[in-house]
Amino acid sequence: MKKIIKANGDITFVNEKYLGAILEEGDVIDENYVVDKTPPAPTAEEIQEDNQRAVRDAAKKYLADTDWYATRKAETGKAIPEDVLAKRAQARTDASE
């Protein structure tokens, strides 16, 4: 991309392969303009939010994957294993944060 300062003062950005079709008399190519395609680094807050989102999503998935235990308990009375109950309790906490 090239930055073009048109003769009338307008500024436009043009792919180099189209320069010939765009340039007019009096236009100036700004040779100092550099396109930085590096994405900005995430902030500490954004990283923390992403981590919290991942924990919430994993917790919600675990709850969805183990909902059948609760359905089975309601329909047949068969107990939910203690480890599953404990993990589901933690998942409910994680999913709500």
PDB file of N, CA and C in Angstrom:
ATOM      1  N   MET A   1       0.842  -1.181   0.000  1.00  0.00           N
ATOM      2  CA  MET A   1       0.000   0.000   0.000  1.00  0.00           C
ATOM      3  C   MET A   1       0.884   1.240   0.000  1.00  0.00           C
ATOM      4  N   LYS A   2       0.428   2.196  -0.749  1.00  0.00           N
ATOM      5  CA  LYS A   2       1.116   3.479  -0.813  1.00  0.00           C
ATOM      6  C   LYS A   2       0.142   4.570  -0.388  1.00  0.00           C
ATOM      7  N   LYS A   3       0.673   5.536   0.329  1.00  0.00           N
ATOM      8  CA  LYS A   3      -0.109   6.694   0.735  1.00  0.00           C
ATOM      9  C   LYS A   3       0.080   7.762  -0.335  1.00  0.00           C
ATOM     10  N   ILE A   4      -1.023   8.219  -0.901  1.00  0.00           N
ATOM     11  CA  ILE A   4      -0.986   9.220  -1.954  1.00  0.00           C
ATOM     12  C   ILE A   4      -1.625  10.496  -1.430  1.00  0.00           C
ATOM     13  N   ILE A   5      -0.894  11.590  -1.566  1.00  0.00           N
ATOM     14  CA  ILE A   5      -1.448  12.895  -1.230  1.00  0.00           C
ATOM     15  C   ILE A   5      -1.825  13.540  -2.565  1.00  0.00           C
ATOM     16  N   LYS A   6      -3.122  13.631  -2.784  1.00  0.00           N
ATOM     17  CA  LYS A   6      -3.622  14.150  -4.053  1.00  0.00           C
ATOM     18  C   LYS A   6      -3.327  15.649  -4.142  1.00  0.00           C
ATOM     19  N   ALA A   7      -3.318  16.171  -5.359  1.00  0.00           N
ATOM     20  CA  ALA A   7      -3.027  17.585  -5.597  1.00  0.00           C
ATOM     21  C   ALA A   7      -3.995  18.502  -4.851  1.00  0.00           C
ATOM     22  N   ASN A   8      -5.223  18.036  -4.632  1.00  0.00           N
ATOM     23  CA  ASN A   8      -6.217  18.857  -3.930  1.00  0.00           C
ATOM     24  C   ASN A   8      -6.136  18.716  -2.406  1.00  0.00           C
ATOM     25  N   GLY A   9      -5.156  17.896  -1.914  1.00  0.00           N
ATOM     26  CA  GLY A   9      -4.963  17.726  -0.472  1.00  0.00           C
ATOM     27  C   GLY A   9      -5.588  16.467   0.098  1.00  0.00           C
ATOM     28  N   ASP A  10      -6.428  15.792  -0.657  1.00  0.00           N
ATOM     29  CA  ASP A  10      -7.019  14.539  -0.190  1.00  0.00           C
ATOM     30  C   ASP A  10      -5.926  13.485  -0.029  1.00  0.00           C
ATOM     31  N   ILE A  11      -6.130  12.604   0.912  1.00  0.00           N
ATOM     32  CA  ILE A  11      -5.185  11.510   1.130  1.00  0.00           C
ATOM     33  C   ILE A  11      -5.906  10.208   0.822  1.00  0.00           C
ATOM     34  N   THR A  12      -5.234   9.365   0.089  1.00  0.00           N
ATOM     35  CA  THR A  12      -5.808   8.060  -0.254  1.00  0.00           C
ATOM     36  C   THR A  12      -4.710   7.002  -0.154  1.00  0.00           C
ATOM     37  N   PHE A  13      -5.119   5.761   0.019  1.00  0.00           N
ATOM     38  CA  PHE A  13      -4.188   4.644   0.108  1.00  0.00           C
ATOM     39  C   PHE A  13      -4.482   3.707  -1.052  1.00  0.00           C
ATOM     40  N   VAL A  14      -3.425   3.341  -1.777  1.00  0.00           N
ATOM     41  CA  VAL A  14      -3.603   2.594  -3.018  1.00  0.00           C
ATOM     42  C   VAL A  14      -2.624   1.429  -3.059  1.00  0.00           C
ATOM     43  N   ASN A  15      -3.110   0.296  -3.545  1.00  0.00           N
ATOM     44  CA  ASN A  15      -2.234  -0.836  -3.804  1.00  0.00           C
ATOM     45  C   ASN A  15      -1.261  -0.426  -4.905  1.00  0.00           C
ATOM     46  N   GLU A  16      -0.005  -0.813  -4.734  1.00  0.00           N
ATOM     47  CA  GLU A  16       1.046  -0.382  -5.667  1.00  0.00           C
ATOM     48  C   GLU A  16       0.733  -0.734  -7.122  1.00  0.00           C
ATOM     49  N   LYS A  17       0.051  -1.832  -7.363  1.00  0.00           N
ATOM     50  CA  LYS A  17      -0.205  -2.231  -8.748  1.00  0.00           C
ATOM     51  C   LYS A  17      -1.201  -1.307  -9.443  1.00  0.00           C
ATOM     52  N   TYR A  18      -1.910  -0.462  -8.693  1.00  0.00           N
ATOM     53  CA  TYR A  18      -2.877   0.465  -9.286  1.00  0.00           C
ATOM     54  C   TYR A  18      -2.375   1.908  -9.327  1.00  0.00           C
ATOM     55  N   LEU A  19      -1.121   2.127  -8.931  1.00  0.00           N
ATOM     56  CA  LEU A  19      -0.600   3.493  -8.897  1.00  0.00           C
ATOM     57  C   LEU A  19      -0.717   4.191 -10.249  1.00  0.00           C
ATOM     58  N   GLY A  20      -0.366   3.504 -11.312  1.00  0.00           N
ATOM     59  CA  GLY A  20      -0.409   4.107 -12.637  1.00  0.00           C
ATOM     60  C   GLY A  20      -1.787   4.619 -13.013  1.00  0.00           C
ATOM     61  N   ALA A  21      -2.814   3.936 -12.570  1.00  0.00           N
ATOM     62  CA  ALA A  21      -4.173   4.326 -12.904  1.00  0.00           C
ATOM     63  C   ALA A  21      -4.694   5.441 -11.999  1.00  0.00           C
ATOM     64  N   ILE A  22      -4.076   5.617 -10.835  1.00  0.00           N
ATOM     65  CA  ILE A  22      -4.585   6.566  -9.849  1.00  0.00           C
ATOM     66  C   ILE A  22      -3.842   7.899  -9.861  1.00  0.00           C
ATOM     67  N   LEU A  23      -2.537   7.829 -10.052  1.00  0.00           N
ATOM     68  CA  LEU A  23      -1.727   9.047  -9.965  1.00  0.00           C
ATOM     69  C   LEU A  23      -2.070  10.058 -11.049  1.00  0.00           C
ATOM     70  N   GLU A  24      -2.164  11.310 -10.639  1.00  0.00           N
ATOM     71  CA  GLU A  24      -2.402  12.416 -11.547  1.00  0.00           C
ATOM     72  C   GLU A  24      -1.323  13.463 -11.323  1.00  0.00           C
ATOM     73  N   GLU A  25      -1.227  14.389 -12.198  1.00  0.00           N
ATOM     74  CA  GLU A  25      -0.219  15.442 -12.081  1.00  0.00           C
ATOM     75  C   GLU A  25      -0.440  16.213 -10.779  1.00  0.00           C
ATOM     76  N   GLY A  26       0.616  16.403 -10.030  1.00  0.00           N
ATOM     77  CA  GLY A  26       0.543  17.123  -8.760  1.00  0.00           C
ATOM     78  C   GLY A  26       0.375  16.214  -7.561  1.00  0.00           C
ATOM     79  N   ASP A  27       0.069  14.922  -7.774  1.00  0.00           N
ATOM     80  CA  ASP A  27      -0.051  13.969  -6.670  1.00  0.00           C
ATOM     81  C   ASP A  27       1.340  13.605  -6.151  1.00  0.00           C
ATOM     82  N   VAL A  28       1.428  13.323  -4.858  1.00  0.00           N
ATOM     83  CA  VAL A  28       2.708  12.973  -4.242  1.00  0.00           C
ATOM     84  C   VAL A  28       2.557  11.626  -3.539  1.00  0.00           C
ATOM     85  N   ILE A  29       3.543  10.756  -3.740  1.00  0.00           N
ATOM     86  CA  ILE A  29       3.580   9.471  -3.028  1.00  0.00           C
ATOM     87  C   ILE A  29       4.377   9.685  -1.750  1.00  0.00           C
ATOM     88  N   ASP A  30       3.770   9.367  -0.606  1.00  0.00           N
ATOM     89  CA  ASP A  30       4.469   9.475   0.680  1.00  0.00           C
ATOM     90  C   ASP A  30       5.298   8.212   0.876  1.00  0.00           C
ATOM     91  N   GLU A  31       6.579   8.305   0.608  1.00  0.00           N
ATOM     92  CA  GLU A  31       7.478   7.141   0.687  1.00  0.00           C
ATOM     93  C   GLU A  31       7.777   6.735   2.125  1.00  0.00           C
ATOM     94  N   ASN A  32       7.455   7.593   3.080  1.00  0.00           N
ATOM     95  CA  ASN A  32       7.741   7.291   4.492  1.00  0.00           C
ATOM     96  C   ASN A  32       6.616   6.499   5.156  1.00  0.00           C
ATOM     97  N   TYR A  33       5.486   6.371   4.468  1.00  0.00           N
ATOM     98  CA  TYR A  33       4.349   5.650   5.034  1.00  0.00           C
ATOM     99  C   TYR A  33       4.625   4.148   4.985  1.00  0.00           C
ATOM    100  N   VAL A  34       4.467   3.496   6.137  1.00  0.00           N
ATOM    101  CA  VAL A  34       4.693   2.057   6.228  1.00  0.00           C
ATOM    102  C   VAL A  34       3.439   1.406   6.809  1.00  0.00           C
ATOM    103  N   VAL A  35       2.990   0.355   6.172  1.00  0.00           N
ATOM    104  CA  VAL A  35       1.838  -0.394   6.664  1.00  0.00           C
ATOM    105  C   VAL A  35       2.340  -1.406   7.682  1.00  0.00           C
ATOM    106  N   ASP A  36       1.875  -1.280   8.903  1.00  0.00           N
ATOM    107  CA  ASP A  36       2.249  -2.219   9.956  1.00  0.00           C
ATOM    108  C   ASP A  36       1.132  -3.245  10.089  1.00  0.00           C
ATOM    109  N   LYS A  37       1.407  -4.455   9.629  1.00  0.00           N
ATOM    110  CA  LYS A  37       0.389  -5.507   9.659  1.00  0.00           C
ATOM    111  C   LYS A  37       0.469  -6.361  10.918  1.00  0.00           C
ATOM    112  N   THR A  38       1.301  -5.958  11.848  1.00  0.00           N
ATOM    113  CA  THR A  38       1.432  -6.691  13.097  1.00  0.00           C
ATOM    114  C   THR A  38       0.224  -6.384  13.976  1.00  0.00           C
ATOM    115  N   PRO A  39      -0.505  -7.402  14.398  1.00  0.00           N
ATOM    116  CA  PRO A  39      -1.654  -7.120  15.260  1.00  0.00           C
ATOM    117  C   PRO A  39      -1.177  -6.620  16.622  1.00  0.00           C
ATOM    118  N   PRO A  40      -1.960  -5.785  17.257  1.00  0.00           N
ATOM    119  CA  PRO A  40      -1.553  -5.282  18.569  1.00  0.00           C
ATOM    120  C   PRO A  40      -1.510  -6.418  19.592  1.00  0.00           C
ATOM    121  N   ALA A  41      -0.570  -6.312  20.507  1.00  0.00           N
ATOM    122  CA  ALA A  41      -0.456  -7.321  21.563  1.00  0.00           C
ATOM    123  C   ALA A  41      -1.645  -7.176  22.511  1.00  0.00           C
ATOM    124  N   PRO A  42      -2.199  -8.296  22.962  1.00  0.00           N
ATOM    125  CA  PRO A  42      -3.326  -8.198  23.891  1.00  0.00           C
ATOM    126  C   PRO A  42      -2.864  -7.623  25.232  1.00  0.00           C
ATOM    127  N   THR A  43      -3.747  -6.887  25.865  1.00  0.00           N
ATOM    128  CA  THR A  43      -3.441  -6.330  27.183  1.00  0.00           C
ATOM    129  C   THR A  43      -3.596  -7.425  28.228  1.00  0.00           C
ATOM    130  N   ALA A  44      -3.064  -7.171  29.411  1.00  0.00           N
ATOM    131  CA  ALA A  44      -3.191  -8.134  30.517  1.00  0.00           C
ATOM    132  C   ALA A  44      -4.667  -8.366  30.838  1.00  0.00           C
ATOM    133  N   GLU A  45      -5.465  -7.311  30.748  1.00  0.00           N
ATOM    134  CA  GLU A  45      -6.897  -7.435  31.016  1.00  0.00           C
ATOM    135  C   GLU A  45      -7.576  -8.337  29.977  1.00  0.00           C
ATOM    136  N   GLU A  46      -7.219  -8.173  28.702  1.00  0.00           N
ATOM    137  CA  GLU A  46      -7.796  -9.008  27.645  1.00  0.00           C
ATOM    138  C   GLU A  46      -7.397 -10.470  27.818  1.00  0.00           C
ATOM    139  N   ILE A  47      -6.161 -10.705  28.215  1.00  0.00           N
ATOM    140  CA  ILE A  47      -5.703 -12.084  28.453  1.00  0.00           C
ATOM    141  C   ILE A  47      -6.491 -12.695  29.604  1.00  0.00           C
ATOM    142  N   GLN A  48      -6.665 -11.923  30.671  1.00  0.00           N
ATOM    143  CA  GLN A  48      -7.419 -12.423  31.826  1.00  0.00           C
ATOM    144  C   GLN A  48      -8.873 -12.721  31.434  1.00  0.00           C
ATOM    145  N   GLU A  49      -9.483 -11.829  30.655  1.00  0.00           N
ATOM    146  CA  GLU A  49     -10.860 -12.056  30.206  1.00  0.00           C
ATOM    147  C   GLU A  49     -10.957 -13.308  29.338  1.00  0.00           C
ATOM    148  N   ASP A  50      -9.989 -13.504  28.463  1.00  0.00           N
ATOM    149  CA  ASP A  50      -9.981 -14.701  27.613  1.00  0.00           C
ATOM    150  C   ASP A  50      -9.848 -15.966  28.453  1.00  0.00           C
ATOM    151  N   ASN A  51      -8.988 -15.925  29.461  1.00  0.00           N
ATOM    152  CA  ASN A  51      -8.809 -17.087  30.335  1.00  0.00           C
ATOM    153  C   ASN A  51     -10.089 -17.378  31.109  1.00  0.00           C
ATOM    154  N   GLN A  52     -10.735 -16.329  31.619  1.00  0.00           N
ATOM    155  CA  GLN A  52     -11.993 -16.525  32.344  1.00  0.00           C
ATOM    156  C   GLN A  52     -13.076 -17.081  31.417  1.00  0.00           C
ATOM    157  N   ARG A  53     -13.100 -16.594  30.185  1.00  0.00           N
ATOM    158  CA  ARG A  53     -14.075 -17.094  29.214  1.00  0.00           C
ATOM    159  C   ARG A  53     -13.831 -18.575  28.931  1.00  0.00           C
ATOM    160  N   ALA A  54     -12.564 -18.964  28.822  1.00  0.00           N
ATOM    161  CA  ALA A  54     -12.235 -20.370  28.559  1.00  0.00           C
ATOM    162  C   ALA A  54     -12.679 -21.254  29.727  1.00  0.00           C
ATOM    163  N   VAL A  55     -12.478 -20.771  30.953  1.00  0.00           N
ATOM    164  CA  VAL A  55     -12.903 -21.532  32.138  1.00  0.00           C
ATOM    165  C   VAL A  55     -14.425 -21.653  32.151  1.00  0.00           C
ATOM    166  N   ARG A  56     -15.128 -20.541  31.887  1.00  0.00           N
ATOM    167  CA  ARG A  56     -16.603 -20.583  31.845  1.00  0.00           C
ATOM    168  C   ARG A  56     -17.104 -21.535  30.769  1.00  0.00           C
ATOM    169  N   ASP A  57     -16.494 -21.461  29.591  1.00  0.00           N
ATOM    170  CA  ASP A  57     -16.927 -22.333  28.491  1.00  0.00           C
ATOM    171  C   ASP A  57     -16.697 -23.800  28.816  1.00  0.00           C
ATOM    172  N   ALA A  58     -15.547 -24.113  29.412  1.00  0.00           N
ATOM    173  CA  ALA A  58     -15.247 -25.501  29.788  1.00  0.00           C
ATOM    174  C   ALA A  58     -16.230 -25.987  30.849  1.00  0.00           C
ATOM    175  N   ALA A  59     -16.558 -25.125  31.798  1.00  0.00           N
ATOM    176  CA  ALA A  59     -17.505 -25.496  32.856  1.00  0.00           C
ATOM    177  C   ALA A  59     -18.891 -25.758  32.271  1.00  0.00           C
ATOM    178  N   LYS A  60     -19.329 -24.888  31.363  1.00  0.00           N
ATOM    179  CA  LYS A  60     -20.643 -25.069  30.741  1.00  0.00           C
ATOM    180  C   LYS A  60     -20.686 -26.354  29.918  1.00  0.00           C
ATOM    181  N   LYS A  61     -19.586 -26.661  29.253  1.00  0.00           N
ATOM    182  CA  LYS A  61     -19.522 -27.895  28.472  1.00  0.00           C
ATOM    183  C   LYS A  61     -19.603 -29.112  29.391  1.00  0.00           C
ATOM    184  N   TYR A  62     -18.878 -29.064  30.515  1.00  0.00           N
ATOM    185  CA  TYR A  62     -18.914 -30.188  31.453  1.00  0.00           C
ATOM    186  C   TYR A  62     -20.343 -30.380  31.971  1.00  0.00           C
ATOM    187  N   LEU A  63     -21.000 -29.290  32.308  1.00  0.00           N
ATOM    188  CA  LEU A  63     -22.381 -29.402  32.797  1.00  0.00           C
ATOM    189  C   LEU A  63     -23.296 -30.006  31.724  1.00  0.00           C
ATOM    190  N   ALA A  64     -23.141 -29.547  30.490  1.00  0.00           N
ATOM    191  CA  ALA A  64     -23.971 -30.087  29.411  1.00  0.00           C
ATOM    192  C   ALA A  64     -23.682 -31.569  29.186  1.00  0.00           C
ATOM    193  N   ASP A  65     -22.396 -31.925  29.260  1.00  0.00           N
ATOM    194  CA  ASP A  65     -22.010 -33.322  29.028  1.00  0.00           C
ATOM    195  C   ASP A  65     -22.484 -34.261  30.137  1.00  0.00           C
ATOM    196  N   THR A  66     -22.717 -33.722  31.330  1.00  0.00           N
ATOM    197  CA  THR A  66     -23.113 -34.578  32.450  1.00  0.00           C
ATOM    198  C   THR A  66     -24.560 -34.359  32.884  1.00  0.00           C
ATOM    199  N   ASP A  67     -25.311 -33.585  32.129  1.00  0.00           N
ATOM    200  CA  ASP A  67     -26.731 -33.371  32.453  1.00  0.00           C
ATOM    201  C   ASP A  67     -27.517 -34.673  32.474  1.00  0.00           C
ATOM    202  N   TRP A  68     -27.079 -35.632  31.697  1.00  0.00           N
ATOM    203  CA  TRP A  68     -27.822 -36.889  31.642  1.00  0.00           C
ATOM    204  C   TRP A  68     -27.863 -37.572  33.014  1.00  0.00           C
ATOM    205  N   TYR A  69     -26.835 -37.330  33.860  1.00  0.00           N
ATOM    206  CA  TYR A  69     -26.867 -37.897  35.215  1.00  0.00           C
ATOM    207  C   TYR A  69     -28.073 -37.354  35.982  1.00  0.00           C
ATOM    208  N   ALA A  70     -28.292 -36.042  35.873  1.00  0.00           N
ATOM    209  CA  ALA A  70     -29.412 -35.428  36.586  1.00  0.00           C
ATOM    210  C   ALA A  70     -30.746 -35.936  36.044  1.00  0.00           C
ATOM    211  N   THR A  71     -30.821 -36.107  34.721  1.00  0.00           N
ATOM    212  CA  THR A  71     -32.043 -36.634  34.123  1.00  0.00           C
ATOM    213  C   THR A  71     -32.289 -38.063  34.598  1.00  0.00           C
ATOM    214  N   ARG A  72     -31.223 -38.874  34.590  1.00  0.00           N
ATOM    215  CA  ARG A  72     -31.357 -40.262  35.053  1.00  0.00           C
ATOM    216  C   ARG A  72     -31.816 -40.306  36.501  1.00  0.00           C
ATOM    217  N   LYS A  73     -31.258 -39.418  37.337  1.00  0.00           N
ATOM    218  CA  LYS A  73     -31.629 -39.373  38.761  1.00  0.00           C
ATOM    219  C   LYS A  73     -33.106 -39.021  38.900  1.00  0.00           C
ATOM    220  N   ALA A  74     -33.551 -38.033  38.113  1.00  0.00           N
ATOM    221  CA  ALA A  74     -34.954 -37.605  38.193  1.00  0.00           C
ATOM    222  C   ALA A  74     -35.907 -38.688  37.701  1.00  0.00           C
ATOM    223  N   GLU A  75     -35.482 -39.409  36.662  1.00  0.00           N
ATOM    224  CA  GLU A  75     -36.382 -40.397  36.074  1.00  0.00           C
ATOM    225  C   GLU A  75     -36.355 -41.748  36.766  1.00  0.00           C
ATOM    226  N   THR A  76     -35.172 -42.169  37.241  1.00  0.00           N
ATOM    227  CA  THR A  76     -35.058 -43.524  37.793  1.00  0.00           C
ATOM    228  C   THR A  76     -34.699 -43.555  39.268  1.00  0.00           C
ATOM    229  N   GLY A  77     -34.215 -42.427  39.790  1.00  0.00           N
ATOM    230  CA  GLY A  77     -33.809 -42.392  41.190  1.00  0.00           C
ATOM    231  C   GLY A  77     -32.390 -42.888  41.412  1.00  0.00           C
ATOM    232  N   LYS A  78     -31.689 -43.317  40.352  1.00  0.00           N
ATOM    233  CA  LYS A  78     -30.324 -43.800  40.489  1.00  0.00           C
ATOM    234  C   LYS A  78     -29.404 -42.630  40.844  1.00  0.00           C
ATOM    235  N   ALA A  79     -28.572 -42.819  41.834  1.00  0.00           N
ATOM    236  CA  ALA A  79     -27.729 -41.752  42.366  1.00  0.00           C
ATOM    237  C   ALA A  79     -26.676 -41.286  41.351  1.00  0.00           C
ATOM    238  N   ILE A  80     -26.347 -40.015  41.464  1.00  0.00           N
ATOM    239  CA  ILE A  80     -25.262 -39.442  40.672  1.00  0.00           C
ATOM    240  C   ILE A  80     -23.969 -39.713  41.440  1.00  0.00           C
ATOM    241  N   PRO A  81     -22.920 -40.218  40.776  1.00  0.00           N
ATOM    242  CA  PRO A  81     -21.662 -40.489  41.471  1.00  0.00           C
ATOM    243  C   PRO A  81     -21.134 -39.234  42.193  1.00  0.00           C
ATOM    244  N   GLU A  82     -20.559 -39.435  43.368  1.00  0.00           N
ATOM    245  CA  GLU A  82     -20.081 -38.320  44.187  1.00  0.00           C
ATOM    246  C   GLU A  82     -19.064 -37.450  43.464  1.00  0.00           C
ATOM    247  N   ASP A  83     -18.151 -38.089  42.699  1.00  0.00           N
ATOM    248  CA  ASP A  83     -17.152 -37.278  41.994  1.00  0.00           C
ATOM    249  C   ASP A  83     -17.803 -36.384  40.946  1.00  0.00           C
ATOM    250  N   VAL A  84     -18.843 -36.881  40.313  1.00  0.00           N
ATOM    251  CA  VAL A  84     -19.558 -36.084  39.318  1.00  0.00           C
ATOM    252  C   VAL A  84     -20.301 -34.936  40.009  1.00  0.00           C
ATOM    253  N   LEU A  85     -20.911 -35.223  41.146  1.00  0.00           N
ATOM    254  CA  LEU A  85     -21.605 -34.171  41.904  1.00  0.00           C
ATOM    255  C   LEU A  85     -20.630 -33.056  42.295  1.00  0.00           C
ATOM    256  N   ALA A  86     -19.457 -33.443  42.768  1.00  0.00           N
ATOM    257  CA  ALA A  86     -18.458 -32.451  43.190  1.00  0.00           C
ATOM    258  C   ALA A  86     -17.974 -31.619  42.005  1.00  0.00           C
ATOM    259  N   LYS A  87     -17.706 -32.304  40.891  1.00  0.00           N
ATOM    260  CA  LYS A  87     -17.234 -31.584  39.706  1.00  0.00           C
ATOM    261  C   LYS A  87     -18.326 -30.673  39.136  1.00  0.00           C
ATOM    262  N   ARG A  88     -19.570 -31.128  39.191  1.00  0.00           N
ATOM    263  CA  ARG A  88     -20.674 -30.294  38.702  1.00  0.00           C
ATOM    264  C   ARG A  88     -20.861 -29.066  39.590  1.00  0.00           C
ATOM    265  N   ALA A  89     -20.697 -29.229  40.885  1.00  0.00           N
ATOM    266  CA  ALA A  89     -20.803 -28.078  41.799  1.00  0.00           C
ATOM    267  C   ALA A  89     -19.723 -27.048  41.462  1.00  0.00           C
ATOM    268  N   GLN A  90     -18.503 -27.516  41.232  1.00  0.00           N
ATOM    269  CA  GLN A  90     -17.414 -26.606  40.869  1.00  0.00           C
ATOM    270  C   GLN A  90     -17.682 -25.977  39.501  1.00  0.00           C
ATOM    271  N   ALA A  91     -18.199 -26.747  38.579  1.00  0.00           N
ATOM    272  CA  ALA A  91     -18.501 -26.233  37.247  1.00  0.00           C
ATOM    273  C   ALA A  91     -19.571 -25.152  37.301  1.00  0.00           C
ATOM    274  N   ARG A  92     -20.584 -25.327  38.158  1.00  0.00           N
ATOM    275  CA  ARG A  92     -21.616 -24.287  38.296  1.00  0.00           C
ATOM    276  C   ARG A  92     -20.995 -22.999  38.810  1.00  0.00           C
ATOM    277  N   THR A  93     -20.066 -23.115  39.759  1.00  0.00           N
ATOM    278  CA  THR A  93     -19.364 -21.923  40.273  1.00  0.00           C
ATOM    279  C   THR A  93     -18.541 -21.274  39.169  1.00  0.00           C
ATOM    280  N   ASP A  94     -17.773 -22.092  38.451  1.00  0.00           N
ATOM    281  CA  ASP A  94     -16.903 -21.569  37.383  1.00  0.00           C
ATOM    282  C   ASP A  94     -17.733 -20.930  36.260  1.00  0.00           C
ATOM    283  N   ALA A  95     -18.860 -21.527  35.943  1.00  0.00           N
ATOM    284  CA  ALA A  95     -19.682 -21.040  34.838  1.00  0.00           C
ATOM    285  C   ALA A  95     -20.345 -19.707  35.167  1.00  0.00           C
ATOM    286  N   SER A  96     -20.501 -19.404  36.447  1.00  0.00           N
ATOM    287  CA  SER A  96     -21.188 -18.171  36.831  1.00  0.00           C
ATOM    288  C   SER A  96     -20.225 -17.015  37.076  1.00  0.00           C
ATOM    289  N   GLU A  97     -18.943 -17.249  36.995  1.00  0.00           N
ATOM    290  CA  GLU A  97     -17.965 -16.167  37.249  1.00  0.00           C
ATOM    291  C   GLU A  97     -17.632 -15.411  36.010  1.00  0.00           C
TER     292      GLU A  97
END
